[in-house]
Amino acid sequence: MNLETKWLEDFVALANTRSFSASARQRHVTQPAFSRRIRSLEQAVGVTLVDRSTTPVDLTPQGQLFLVTARNMVEQLNESLGHLRGLSMANEALDIVAAHSLALSFFPPWISRLQKGVGELPTRLVAMNVGDAIHVLREGNCDLMLAYYDPYATMQLDAEVFPSFSIGQVKMVPVSLPDESGKPRFPLEGRQEVPYLAYTQGAFLGRSVRMLLKNDPLRLRLRVVYETAMAEGLKGMVLQGVGMAWIPDFCIREELNSGRLVRAGAESYDVPLEIRLYRCSLVHKPGVEKLWRQMMKLPRDFLQA
């Protein structure tokens, strides 16, 4: 008999929800893919486990009997793996994925501050765009995700399945090189055309800027001269005097304080952002569980960068 563990987990999920669509969402797969996996399980054990003629679906007598075995196997396997992982937890690093700008400029000081509250915290960090990071989190291929919160819910993350901590309130600021008098070389105020360094179409930060400009006549004066998905890339081009761009304030604090960069527009053109740390509640890794418990005990202002 050739059984895959995920089929057993699928079957247990279906027994709990009695719905193929609900179980597919819970297991982070499409409904057709979930149905094929249940069919594969039935073929492997050689009997029909699910009565598909009823709504909600029910288990056949054979399915009811097999459910006990499936649950025991899944629980024993998880318990064994949890024990093995617990033995090596002291040296086990947490795998974190993060948006590029957060990985480069936000994560180092934040993780240093967090470790003062929870102790030494071995981590592995991978930078990627937000869309890819969400996919990795959903597939269970990382422990934590550091990303900007999406107030428009386009990320489609169920808050119960993917709980989060708010760990930062920041903003994107329109910036430019200064001219000889210290004023922005490319100001947003006025009627002149402005060379604009933009985020690419799929970039999360670009969507936030577009929402700001949606009903503002300024958008008609912005002439795109360069595009990239990364804030650090835009920062480099701003410093070369190519144009102006909206950049997260934590990426440009030194440049603003030293006067190498200046605001290109009033504070009304700032874009507020919230940074959150996400996990998947369906994945039970001892290191993540321990960190989450410790973070829940910390004062809220301690978590905020």
C-alpha atoms as a PDB file:
ATOM      1  CA  MET A   1       0.000   0.000   0.000  1.00  0.00           C
ATOM      2  CA  ASN A   2       1.457   3.353  -1.090  1.00  0.00           C
ATOM      3  CA  LEU A   3       0.008   6.151   1.068  1.00  0.00           C
ATOM      4  CA  GLU A   4       1.030   9.783   1.260  1.00  0.00           C
ATOM      5  CA  THR A   5       0.823  11.545   4.608  1.00  0.00           C
ATOM      6  CA  LYS A   6      -0.884  14.567   3.076  1.00  0.00           C
ATOM      7  CA  TRP A   7      -3.736  12.320   1.868  1.00  0.00           C
ATOM      8  CA  LEU A   8      -4.364  11.223   5.440  1.00  0.00           C
ATOM      9  CA  GLU A   9      -4.326  14.832   6.613  1.00  0.00           C
ATOM     10  CA  ASP A  10      -6.706  15.733   3.794  1.00  0.00           C
ATOM     11  CA  PHE A  11      -9.091  12.961   4.838  1.00  0.00           C
ATOM     12  CA  VAL A  12      -9.061  14.062   8.488  1.00  0.00           C
ATOM     13  CA  ALA A  13      -9.778  17.638   7.385  1.00  0.00           C
ATOM     14  CA  LEU A  14     -12.686  16.451   5.221  1.00  0.00           C
ATOM     15  CA  ALA A  15     -14.091  14.400   8.088  1.00  0.00           C
ATOM     16  CA  ASN A  16     -14.049  17.551  10.239  1.00  0.00           C
ATOM     17  CA  THR A  17     -15.600  19.972   7.739  1.00  0.00           C
ATOM     18  CA  ARG A  18     -17.746  17.588   5.644  1.00  0.00           C
ATOM     19  CA  SER A  19     -17.091  19.992   2.765  1.00  0.00           C
ATOM     20  CA  PHE A  20     -14.644  19.601  -0.119  1.00  0.00           C
ATOM     21  CA  SER A  21     -14.443  23.365  -0.673  1.00  0.00           C
ATOM     22  CA  ALA A  22     -13.892  24.221   3.003  1.00  0.00           C
ATOM     23  CA  SER A  23     -11.295  21.459   3.373  1.00  0.00           C
ATOM     24  CA  ALA A  24      -9.477  22.614   0.249  1.00  0.00           C
ATOM     25  CA  ARG A  25      -9.198  26.133   1.689  1.00  0.00           C
ATOM     26  CA  GLN A  26      -7.975  24.744   4.977  1.00  0.00           C
ATOM     27  CA  ARG A  27      -5.348  22.647   3.188  1.00  0.00           C
ATOM     28  CA  HIS A  28      -4.325  25.563   0.908  1.00  0.00           C
ATOM     29  CA  VAL A  29      -5.042  23.754  -2.372  1.00  0.00           C
ATOM     30  CA  THR A  30      -7.653  24.133  -5.077  1.00  0.00           C
ATOM     31  CA  GLN A  31     -10.837  22.088  -4.726  1.00  0.00           C
ATOM     32  CA  PRO A  32     -10.086  19.970  -7.830  1.00  0.00           C
ATOM     33  CA  ALA A  33      -6.622  19.143  -6.465  1.00  0.00           C
ATOM     34  CA  PHE A  34      -8.093  18.280  -3.065  1.00  0.00           C
ATOM     35  CA  SER A  35     -10.707  16.001  -4.656  1.00  0.00           C
ATOM     36  CA  ARG A  36      -7.993  14.194  -6.641  1.00  0.00           C
ATOM     37  CA  ARG A  37      -6.025  13.574  -3.472  1.00  0.00           C
ATOM     38  CA  ILE A  38      -9.053  12.050  -1.716  1.00  0.00           C
ATOM     39  CA  ARG A  39      -9.610   9.844  -4.806  1.00  0.00           C
ATOM     40  CA  SER A  40      -5.961   8.770  -4.658  1.00  0.00           C
ATOM     41  CA  LEU A  41      -6.372   7.820  -0.996  1.00  0.00           C
ATOM     42  CA  GLU A  42      -9.459   5.734  -1.797  1.00  0.00           C
ATOM     43  CA  GLN A  43      -7.609   3.984  -4.615  1.00  0.00           C
ATOM     44  CA  ALA A  44      -4.662   3.255  -2.306  1.00  0.00           C
ATOM     45  CA  VAL A  45      -6.831   1.665   0.427  1.00  0.00           C
ATOM     46  CA  GLY A  46      -9.135   0.006  -2.113  1.00  0.00           C
ATOM     47  CA  VAL A  47     -12.491   1.180  -0.721  1.00  0.00           C
ATOM     48  CA  THR A  48     -14.800   4.187  -1.033  1.00  0.00           C
ATOM     49  CA  LEU A  49     -14.313   6.379   2.039  1.00  0.00           C
ATOM     50  CA  VAL A  50     -16.594   9.307   1.219  1.00  0.00           C
ATOM     51  CA  ASP A  51     -20.284   9.325   0.332  1.00  0.00           C
ATOM     52  CA  ARG A  52     -20.476  12.156  -2.207  1.00  0.00           C
ATOM     53  CA  SER A  53     -24.243  11.805  -2.762  1.00  0.00           C
ATOM     54  CA  THR A  54     -25.143  13.735   0.396  1.00  0.00           C
ATOM     55  CA  THR A  55     -24.816  17.410   1.301  1.00  0.00           C
ATOM     56  CA  PRO A  56     -22.820  17.911   3.395  1.00  0.00           C
ATOM     57  CA  VAL A  57     -20.737  14.933   2.376  1.00  0.00           C
ATOM     58  CA  ASP A  58     -20.605  11.993   4.760  1.00  0.00           C
ATOM     59  CA  LEU A  59     -18.217   9.125   5.378  1.00  0.00           C
ATOM     60  CA  THR A  60     -19.076   5.605   4.341  1.00  0.00           C
ATOM     61  CA  PRO A  61     -18.981   2.889   7.041  1.00  0.00           C
ATOM     62  CA  GLN A  62     -15.508   1.997   5.774  1.00  0.00           C
ATOM     63  CA  GLY A  63     -14.575   5.682   5.934  1.00  0.00           C
ATOM     64  CA  GLN A  64     -15.734   5.953   9.551  1.00  0.00           C
ATOM     65  CA  LEU A  65     -13.593   2.964  10.462  1.00  0.00           C
ATOM     66  CA  PHE A  66     -10.572   4.244   8.528  1.00  0.00           C
ATOM     67  CA  LEU A  67     -10.905   7.699  10.123  1.00  0.00           C
ATOM     68  CA  VAL A  68      -9.765   6.306  13.474  1.00  0.00           C
ATOM     69  CA  THR A  69      -6.653   4.852  11.855  1.00  0.00           C
ATOM     70  CA  ALA A  70      -5.965   8.019   9.879  1.00  0.00           C
ATOM     71  CA  ARG A  71      -6.256  10.261  12.923  1.00  0.00           C
ATOM     72  CA  ASN A  72      -3.996   8.036  14.976  1.00  0.00           C
ATOM     73  CA  MET A  73      -1.362   7.908  12.252  1.00  0.00           C
ATOM     74  CA  VAL A  74      -1.385  11.689  11.745  1.00  0.00           C
ATOM     75  CA  GLU A  75      -1.271  12.413  15.482  1.00  0.00           C
ATOM     76  CA  GLN A  76       1.506   9.888  16.125  1.00  0.00           C
ATOM     77  CA  LEU A  77       3.559  11.205  13.222  1.00  0.00           C
ATOM     78  CA  ASN A  78       3.148  14.829  14.341  1.00  0.00           C
ATOM     79  CA  GLU A  79       3.974  13.910  17.925  1.00  0.00           C
ATOM     80  CA  SER A  80       7.107  12.054  16.823  1.00  0.00           C
ATOM     81  CA  LEU A  81       8.242  14.884  14.551  1.00  0.00           C
ATOM     82  CA  GLY A  82       7.523  17.420  17.275  1.00  0.00           C
ATOM     83  CA  HIS A  83       9.663  15.439  19.687  1.00  0.00           C
ATOM     84  CA  LEU A  84      12.530  15.182  17.216  1.00  0.00           C
ATOM     85  CA  ARG A  85      12.336  18.896  16.434  1.00  0.00           C
ATOM     86  CA  GLY A  86      12.153  19.686  20.124  1.00  0.00           C
ATOM     87  CA  LEU A  87      15.417  17.842  20.709  1.00  0.00           C
ATOM     88  CA  SER A  88      17.199  20.137  18.287  1.00  0.00           C
ATOM     89  CA  MET A  89      15.176  23.276  19.011  1.00  0.00           C
ATOM     90  CA  ALA A  90      18.090  24.984  20.766  1.00  0.00           C
ATOM     91  CA  ASN A  91      20.011  25.031  17.483  1.00  0.00           C
ATOM     92  CA  GLU A  92      17.004  25.297  15.177  1.00  0.00           C
ATOM     93  CA  ALA A  93      16.800  28.528  13.191  1.00  0.00           C
ATOM     94  CA  LEU A  94      13.476  30.109  12.298  1.00  0.00           C
ATOM     95  CA  ASP A  95      12.965  30.558   8.553  1.00  0.00           C
ATOM     96  CA  ILE A  96      11.677  34.062   7.837  1.00  0.00           C
ATOM     97  CA  VAL A  97      10.690  35.544   4.492  1.00  0.00           C
ATOM     98  CA  ALA A  98      10.430  39.303   4.143  1.00  0.00           C
ATOM     99  CA  ALA A  99       9.766  42.037   1.612  1.00  0.00           C
ATOM    100  CA  HIS A 100      13.051  43.327   0.176  1.00  0.00           C
ATOM    101  CA  SER A 101      12.960  46.755   1.841  1.00  0.00           C
ATOM    102  CA  LEU A 102      12.084  45.205   5.220  1.00  0.00           C
ATOM    103  CA  ALA A 103      14.848  42.616   4.941  1.00  0.00           C
ATOM    104  CA  LEU A 104      17.518  45.217   4.182  1.00  0.00           C
ATOM    105  CA  SER A 105      16.638  48.158   6.416  1.00  0.00           C
ATOM    106  CA  PHE A 106      13.958  47.175   8.935  1.00  0.00           C
ATOM    107  CA  PHE A 107      14.742  43.619  10.028  1.00  0.00           C
ATOM    108  CA  PRO A 108      18.283  44.028  11.509  1.00  0.00           C
ATOM    109  CA  PRO A 109      17.417  46.660  14.164  1.00  0.00           C
ATOM    110  CA  TRP A 110      14.015  45.098  14.863  1.00  0.00           C
ATOM    111  CA  ILE A 111      15.298  41.558  15.447  1.00  0.00           C
ATOM    112  CA  SER A 112      18.069  42.952  17.643  1.00  0.00           C
ATOM    113  CA  ARG A 113      15.466  44.737  19.754  1.00  0.00           C
ATOM    114  CA  LEU A 114      13.220  41.661  19.908  1.00  0.00           C
ATOM    115  CA  GLN A 115      16.059  39.462  21.160  1.00  0.00           C
ATOM    116  CA  LYS A 116      16.454  41.736  24.156  1.00  0.00           C
ATOM    117  CA  GLY A 117      12.962  40.635  25.164  1.00  0.00           C
ATOM    118  CA  VAL A 118      12.946  36.946  24.186  1.00  0.00           C
ATOM    119  CA  GLY A 119      16.620  35.958  24.270  1.00  0.00           C
ATOM    120  CA  GLU A 120      18.841  34.583  21.512  1.00  0.00           C
ATOM    121  CA  LEU A 121      16.844  33.859  18.371  1.00  0.00           C
ATOM    122  CA  PRO A 122      18.600  31.987  15.513  1.00  0.00           C
ATOM    123  CA  THR A 123      17.030  33.034  12.209  1.00  0.00           C
ATOM    124  CA  ARG A 124      17.398  32.509   8.458  1.00  0.00           C
ATOM    125  CA  LEU A 125      16.103  35.393   6.367  1.00  0.00           C
ATOM    126  CA  VAL A 126      15.170  35.345   2.685  1.00  0.00           C
ATOM    127  CA  ALA A 127      14.124  38.530   0.865  1.00  0.00           C
ATOM    128  CA  MET A 128      11.470  38.311  -1.856  1.00  0.00           C
ATOM    129  CA  ASN A 129       8.498  40.240  -3.197  1.00  0.00           C
ATOM    130  CA  VAL A 130       5.325  40.203  -1.104  1.00  0.00           C
ATOM    131  CA  GLY A 131       3.379  37.960  -3.492  1.00  0.00           C
ATOM    132  CA  ASP A 132       6.044  35.262  -3.414  1.00  0.00           C
ATOM    133  CA  ALA A 133       6.380  35.585   0.364  1.00  0.00           C
ATOM    134  CA  ILE A 134       2.646  34.955   0.829  1.00  0.00           C
ATOM    135  CA  HIS A 135       2.848  31.875  -1.382  1.00  0.00           C
ATOM    136  CA  VAL A 136       5.765  30.504   0.653  1.00  0.00           C
ATOM    137  CA  LEU A 137       3.866  31.104   3.908  1.00  0.00           C
ATOM    138  CA  ARG A 138       0.710  29.421   2.582  1.00  0.00           C
ATOM    139  CA  GLU A 139       2.684  26.387   1.428  1.00  0.00           C
ATOM    140  CA  GLY A 140       4.245  26.002   4.871  1.00  0.00           C
ATOM    141  CA  ASN A 141       7.749  26.551   3.491  1.00  0.00           C
ATOM    142  CA  CYS A 142       8.659  29.234   6.023  1.00  0.00           C
ATOM    143  CA  ASP A 143       7.997  29.824   9.710  1.00  0.00           C
ATOM    144  CA  LEU A 144       7.307  33.548   9.678  1.00  0.00           C
ATOM    145  CA  MET A 145       6.621  36.298   7.159  1.00  0.00           C
ATOM    146  CA  LEU A 146       7.553  39.947   7.615  1.00  0.00           C
ATOM    147  CA  ALA A 147       5.387  42.093   5.354  1.00  0.00           C
ATOM    148  CA  TYR A 148       3.421  45.285   5.022  1.00  0.00           C
ATOM    149  CA  TYR A 149      -0.180  44.996   6.173  1.00  0.00           C
ATOM    150  CA  ASP A 150      -2.672  45.258   3.332  1.00  0.00           C
ATOM    151  CA  PRO A 151      -5.692  47.346   4.474  1.00  0.00           C
ATOM    152  CA  TYR A 152      -7.478  46.535   1.205  1.00  0.00           C
ATOM    153  CA  ALA A 153      -7.258  42.763   1.871  1.00  0.00           C
ATOM    154  CA  THR A 154      -5.827  42.022  -1.558  1.00  0.00           C
ATOM    155  CA  MET A 155      -3.388  39.592   0.104  1.00  0.00           C
ATOM    156  CA  GLN A 156      -6.360  37.400   1.095  1.00  0.00           C
ATOM    157  CA  LEU A 157      -4.903  36.043   4.332  1.00  0.00           C
ATOM    158  CA  ASP A 158      -7.425  34.596   6.765  1.00  0.00           C
ATOM    159  CA  ALA A 159      -6.658  36.168  10.147  1.00  0.00           C
ATOM    160  CA  GLU A 160      -7.518  32.941  12.003  1.00  0.00           C
ATOM    161  CA  VAL A 161      -5.261  30.759   9.865  1.00  0.00           C
ATOM    162  CA  PHE A 162      -2.530  33.398   9.562  1.00  0.00           C
ATOM    163  CA  PRO A 163      -2.407  35.371  12.827  1.00  0.00           C
ATOM    164  CA  SER A 164      -0.089  38.357  12.994  1.00  0.00           C
ATOM    165  CA  PHE A 165       1.596  40.865  15.292  1.00  0.00           C
ATOM    166  CA  SER A 166       1.755  44.550  14.399  1.00  0.00           C
ATOM    167  CA  ILE A 167       5.408  45.465  14.826  1.00  0.00           C
ATOM    168  CA  GLY A 168       5.797  48.832  13.136  1.00  0.00           C
ATOM    169  CA  GLN A 169       4.034  51.995  11.995  1.00  0.00           C
ATOM    170  CA  VAL A 170       6.025  53.665   9.230  1.00  0.00           C
ATOM    171  CA  LYS A 171       5.352  55.792   6.169  1.00  0.00           C
ATOM    172  CA  MET A 172       6.560  56.298   2.633  1.00  0.00           C
ATOM    173  CA  VAL A 173       7.915  59.776   2.012  1.00  0.00           C
ATOM    174  CA  PRO A 174       8.283  61.548  -1.367  1.00  0.00           C
ATOM    175  CA  VAL A 175      11.963  62.522  -1.623  1.00  0.00           C
ATOM    176  CA  SER A 176      14.330  64.249  -4.022  1.00  0.00           C
ATOM    177  CA  LEU A 177      17.886  65.531  -4.200  1.00  0.00           C
ATOM    178  CA  PRO A 178      18.110  69.102  -2.919  1.00  0.00           C
ATOM    179  CA  ASP A 179      19.012  71.981  -5.191  1.00  0.00           C
ATOM    180  CA  GLU A 180      21.672  74.589  -4.309  1.00  0.00           C
ATOM    181  CA  SER A 181      19.281  76.352  -1.933  1.00  0.00           C
ATOM    182  CA  GLY A 182      18.375  73.133  -0.116  1.00  0.00           C
ATOM    183  CA  LYS A 183      14.911  72.897  -1.655  1.00  0.00           C
ATOM    184  CA  PRO A 184      13.782  69.772  -3.569  1.00  0.00           C
ATOM    185  CA  ARG A 185      15.150  69.616  -7.106  1.00  0.00           C
ATOM    186  CA  PHE A 186      11.929  67.880  -8.173  1.00  0.00           C
ATOM    187  CA  PRO A 187       9.103  69.380  -6.061  1.00  0.00           C
ATOM    188  CA  LEU A 188       5.561  68.009  -6.182  1.00  0.00           C
ATOM    189  CA  GLU A 189       4.049  71.441  -5.631  1.00  0.00           C
ATOM    190  CA  GLY A 190       3.607  73.600  -8.721  1.00  0.00           C
ATOM    191  CA  ARG A 191       2.538  72.874 -12.261  1.00  0.00           C
ATOM    192  CA  GLN A 192       5.718  71.531 -13.806  1.00  0.00           C
ATOM    193  CA  GLU A 193       6.203  67.934 -14.952  1.00  0.00           C
ATOM    194  CA  VAL A 194       8.052  65.779 -12.415  1.00  0.00           C
ATOM    195  CA  PRO A 195      10.453  62.942 -13.367  1.00  0.00           C
ATOM    196  CA  TYR A 196       9.074  60.030 -11.385  1.00  0.00           C
ATOM    197  CA  LEU A 197      10.909  56.914 -10.186  1.00  0.00           C
ATOM    198  CA  ALA A 198       8.137  54.347  -9.801  1.00  0.00           C
ATOM    199  CA  TYR A 199       7.542  50.883  -8.394  1.00  0.00           C
ATOM    200  CA  THR A 200       6.711  48.234 -10.967  1.00  0.00           C
ATOM    201  CA  GLN A 201       3.069  47.308 -11.497  1.00  0.00           C
ATOM    202  CA  GLY A 202       2.998  44.255  -9.223  1.00  0.00           C
ATOM    203  CA  ALA A 203       4.972  45.779  -6.327  1.00  0.00           C
ATOM    204  CA  PHE A 204       3.018  46.185  -3.086  1.00  0.00           C
ATOM    205  CA  LEU A 205       4.485  49.615  -2.336  1.00  0.00           C
ATOM    206  CA  GLY A 206       3.569  50.766  -5.828  1.00  0.00           C
ATOM    207  CA  ARG A 207      -0.074  49.893  -5.199  1.00  0.00           C
ATOM    208  CA  SER A 208      -0.013  51.992  -2.021  1.00  0.00           C
ATOM    209  CA  VAL A 209       1.321  55.016  -3.921  1.00  0.00           C
ATOM    210  CA  ARG A 210      -1.279  54.558  -6.660  1.00  0.00           C
ATOM    211  CA  MET A 211      -4.050  54.553  -4.046  1.00  0.00           C
ATOM    212  CA  LEU A 212      -2.711  57.858  -2.696  1.00  0.00           C
ATOM    213  CA  LEU A 213      -2.648  59.450  -6.155  1.00  0.00           C
ATOM    214  CA  LYS A 214      -5.886  57.908  -7.417  1.00  0.00           C
ATOM    215  CA  ASN A 215      -7.887  61.145  -7.268  1.00  0.00           C
ATOM    216  CA  ASP A 216      -5.013  63.635  -7.142  1.00  0.00           C
ATOM    217  CA  PRO A 217      -4.239  65.788 -10.202  1.00  0.00           C
ATOM    218  CA  LEU A 218      -0.558  65.321  -9.373  1.00  0.00           C
ATOM    219  CA  ARG A 219      -0.613  61.913 -11.065  1.00  0.00           C
ATOM    220  CA  LEU A 220      -0.996  63.680 -14.415  1.00  0.00           C
ATOM    221  CA  ARG A 221       2.282  65.534 -13.894  1.00  0.00           C
ATOM    222  CA  LEU A 222       4.369  62.507 -12.944  1.00  0.00           C
ATOM    223  CA  ARG A 223       6.500  61.335 -15.872  1.00  0.00           C
ATOM    224  CA  VAL A 224       7.835  57.834 -15.230  1.00  0.00           C
ATOM    225  CA  VAL A 225      11.548  57.681 -16.079  1.00  0.00           C
ATOM    226  CA  TYR A 226      12.498  54.504 -14.200  1.00  0.00           C
ATOM    227  CA  GLU A 227      10.769  51.499 -12.602  1.00  0.00           C
ATOM    228  CA  THR A 228      11.849  48.786 -10.182  1.00  0.00           C
ATOM    229  CA  ALA A 229      10.168  46.608  -7.561  1.00  0.00           C
ATOM    230  CA  MET A 230      12.674  47.460  -4.815  1.00  0.00           C
ATOM    231  CA  ALA A 231      12.721  50.570  -2.633  1.00  0.00           C
ATOM    232  CA  GLU A 232      16.501  50.402  -2.308  1.00  0.00           C
ATOM    233  CA  GLY A 233      16.773  50.531  -6.101  1.00  0.00           C
ATOM    234  CA  LEU A 234      14.643  53.682  -6.207  1.00  0.00           C
ATOM    235  CA  LYS A 235      16.688  55.208  -3.404  1.00  0.00           C
ATOM    236  CA  GLY A 236      19.870  54.712  -5.418  1.00  0.00           C
ATOM    237  CA  MET A 237      18.360  56.450  -8.429  1.00  0.00           C
ATOM    238  CA  VAL A 238      17.074  59.360  -6.320  1.00  0.00           C
ATOM    239  CA  LEU A 239      20.592  59.827  -4.944  1.00  0.00           C
ATOM    240  CA  GLN A 240      21.858  59.977  -8.539  1.00  0.00           C
ATOM    241  CA  GLY A 241      19.484  62.861  -9.223  1.00  0.00           C
ATOM    242  CA  VAL A 242      17.382  61.002 -11.806  1.00  0.00           C
ATOM    243  CA  GLY A 243      14.016  61.969 -10.284  1.00  0.00           C
ATOM    244  CA  MET A 244      11.825  61.742  -7.168  1.00  0.00           C
ATOM    245  CA  ALA A 245      10.309  58.676  -5.514  1.00  0.00           C
ATOM    246  CA  TRP A 246       8.237  57.503  -2.550  1.00  0.00           C
ATOM    247  CA  ILE A 247      10.521  55.538  -0.213  1.00  0.00           C
ATOM    248  CA  PRO A 248       9.851  54.028   3.257  1.00  0.00           C
ATOM    249  CA  ASP A 249      11.193  56.422   5.878  1.00  0.00           C
ATOM    250  CA  PHE A 250      13.290  53.769   7.646  1.00  0.00           C
ATOM    251  CA  CYS A 251      15.297  53.348   4.425  1.00  0.00           C
ATOM    252  CA  ILE A 252      16.270  57.020   4.192  1.00  0.00           C
ATOM    253  CA  ARG A 253      16.609  58.292   7.789  1.00  0.00           C
ATOM    254  CA  GLU A 254      20.352  58.969   7.493  1.00  0.00           C
ATOM    255  CA  GLU A 255      19.979  60.704   4.136  1.00  0.00           C
ATOM    256  CA  LEU A 256      17.168  62.962   5.399  1.00  0.00           C
ATOM    257  CA  ASN A 257      19.020  63.797   8.612  1.00  0.00           C
ATOM    258  CA  SER A 258      22.213  64.663   6.727  1.00  0.00           C
ATOM    259  CA  GLY A 259      20.409  66.667   4.050  1.00  0.00           C
ATOM    260  CA  ARG A 260      21.511  64.420   1.192  1.00  0.00           C
ATOM    261  CA  LEU A 261      17.804  63.958   0.466  1.00  0.00           C
ATOM    262  CA  VAL A 262      14.886  66.281   1.173  1.00  0.00           C
ATOM    263  CA  ARG A 263      11.130  66.011   1.073  1.00  0.00           C
ATOM    264  CA  ALA A 264       9.687  66.543  -2.378  1.00  0.00           C
ATOM    265  CA  GLY A 265       6.202  67.293  -1.039  1.00  0.00           C
ATOM    266  CA  ALA A 266       4.135  68.078   2.045  1.00  0.00           C
ATOM    267  CA  GLU A 267       3.225  65.495   4.707  1.00  0.00           C
ATOM    268  CA  SER A 268      -0.164  65.140   3.029  1.00  0.00           C
ATOM    269  CA  TYR A 269       1.704  63.138   0.378  1.00  0.00           C
ATOM    270  CA  ASP A 270       3.063  60.643   2.926  1.00  0.00           C
ATOM    271  CA  VAL A 271       1.744  57.071   2.662  1.00  0.00           C
ATOM    272  CA  PRO A 272       1.163  55.377   6.074  1.00  0.00           C
ATOM    273  CA  LEU A 273       2.238  51.745   6.318  1.00  0.00           C
ATOM    274  CA  GLU A 274       1.867  49.075   8.975  1.00  0.00           C
ATOM    275  CA  ILE A 275       4.382  46.239   9.281  1.00  0.00           C
ATOM    276  CA  ARG A 276       3.264  42.856  10.577  1.00  0.00           C
ATOM    277  CA  LEU A 277       4.839  39.528  11.442  1.00  0.00           C
ATOM    278  CA  TYR A 278       2.723  36.595  10.220  1.00  0.00           C
ATOM    279  CA  ARG A 279       2.677  32.869  10.938  1.00  0.00           C
ATOM    280  CA  CYS A 280       0.495  29.948   9.880  1.00  0.00           C
ATOM    281  CA  SER A 281      -1.505  28.550  12.811  1.00  0.00           C
ATOM    282  CA  LEU A 282      -1.772  25.161  11.086  1.00  0.00           C
ATOM    283  CA  VAL A 283       1.995  24.637  11.280  1.00  0.00           C
ATOM    284  CA  HIS A 284       3.167  23.662  14.753  1.00  0.00           C
ATOM    285  CA  LYS A 285       6.914  24.153  15.035  1.00  0.00           C
ATOM    286  CA  PRO A 286       8.146  24.296  18.637  1.00  0.00           C
ATOM    287  CA  GLY A 287      10.412  27.286  17.993  1.00  0.00           C
ATOM    288  CA  VAL A 288       7.589  29.302  16.452  1.00  0.00           C
ATOM    289  CA  GLU A 289       5.121  28.335  19.188  1.00  0.00           C
ATOM    290  CA  LYS A 290       7.630  29.394  21.840  1.00  0.00           C
ATOM    291  CA  LEU A 291       8.389  32.717  20.142  1.00  0.00           C
ATOM    292  CA  TRP A 292       4.679  33.484  19.681  1.00  0.00           C
ATOM    293  CA  ARG A 293       3.977  32.842  23.357  1.00  0.00           C
ATOM    294  CA  GLN A 294       6.887  35.063  24.373  1.00  0.00           C
ATOM    295  CA  MET A 295       5.776  37.867  22.064  1.00  0.00           C
ATOM    296  CA  MET A 296       2.243  37.754  23.501  1.00  0.00           C
ATOM    297  CA  LYS A 297       3.721  38.462  26.953  1.00  0.00           C
ATOM    298  CA  LEU A 298       5.774  41.461  25.812  1.00  0.00           C
ATOM    299  CA  PRO A 299       4.387  45.012  26.161  1.00  0.00           C
ATOM    300  CA  ARG A 300       2.851  46.195  22.911  1.00  0.00           C
ATOM    301  CA  ASP A 301       5.201  49.152  22.632  1.00  0.00           C
ATOM    302  CA  PHE A 302       8.176  46.802  22.969  1.00  0.00           C
ATOM    303  CA  LEU A 303       7.187  44.989  19.763  1.00  0.00           C
ATOM    304  CA  GLN A 304       6.852  48.223  17.830  1.00  0.00           C
ATOM    305  CA  ALA A 305       9.983  49.252  15.965  1.00  0.00           C
END
